[in-house]
Amino acid sequence: MAARLVQNEGQRWNKQNFLMHAMGANTGGQVGSVMAAAITLSVLKGLGII
């Protein structure tokens, strides 16, 4: 959603702007968060906390 908002605002100011590549950073951040959560859960399970 954030990438679409940035794209719309950018094109409102300059019709030649193409900013959708920002979506790649958003997707990469989400994948990283999921991987970090999986590792954290694995460590906690290994320690017998969960």
Protein backbone atom coordinates (compact mmCIF):
# COMPACT_ATOMS: atom_id res chain seq x y z
CA MET A 1 0.00 0.00 0.00
CA ALA A 2 2.81 2.43 0.83
CA ALA A 3 4.45 1.96 -2.57
CA ARG A 4 1.17 2.74 -4.34
CA LEU A 5 0.73 5.89 -2.29
CA VAL A 6 4.28 7.02 -3.11
CA GLN A 7 3.68 6.27 -6.80
CA ASN A 8 0.45 8.30 -6.86
CA GLU A 9 2.00 11.27 -5.07
CA GLY A 10 5.10 11.19 -7.27
CA GLN A 11 3.09 11.16 -10.47
CA ARG A 12 0.88 13.95 -9.20
CA TRP A 13 3.95 16.21 -9.05
CA ASN A 14 5.75 14.85 -12.12
CA LYS A 15 3.95 12.70 -14.69
CA GLN A 16 7.24 11.05 -15.76
CA ASN A 17 7.99 9.63 -12.30
CA PHE A 18 7.95 5.86 -11.92
CA LEU A 19 8.40 4.93 -8.28
CA MET A 20 6.91 1.43 -8.04
CA HIS A 21 10.40 -0.06 -7.54
CA ALA A 22 9.88 1.02 -3.91
CA MET A 23 7.57 -1.99 -3.61
CA GLY A 24 10.62 -4.27 -3.88
CA ALA A 25 12.03 -2.78 -0.69
CA ASN A 26 8.69 -3.25 1.08
CA THR A 27 8.51 -6.90 -0.01
CA GLY A 28 12.12 -7.51 0.99
CA GLY A 29 11.49 -6.05 4.42
CA GLN A 30 8.46 -8.25 4.93
CA VAL A 31 10.37 -11.39 3.93
CA GLY A 32 13.17 -10.43 6.31
CA SER A 33 10.70 -9.96 9.16
CA VAL A 34 9.17 -13.38 8.57
CA MET A 35 12.60 -15.02 8.52
CA ALA A 36 13.64 -13.27 11.74
CA ALA A 37 10.44 -14.40 13.45
CA ALA A 38 10.98 -17.99 12.33
CA ILE A 39 14.54 -18.00 13.65
CA THR A 40 13.44 -16.46 16.95
CA LEU A 41 10.72 -19.08 17.39
CA SER A 42 13.19 -21.87 16.56
CA VAL A 43 15.65 -20.61 19.18
CA LEU A 44 12.94 -20.26 21.81
CA LYS A 45 11.69 -23.76 21.06
CA GLY A 46 15.24 -25.10 21.26
CA LEU A 47 15.64 -23.50 24.68
CA GLY A 48 12.37 -25.09 25.82
CA ILE A 49 10.68 -21.76 26.46
CA ILE A 50 7.79 -22.51 24.10
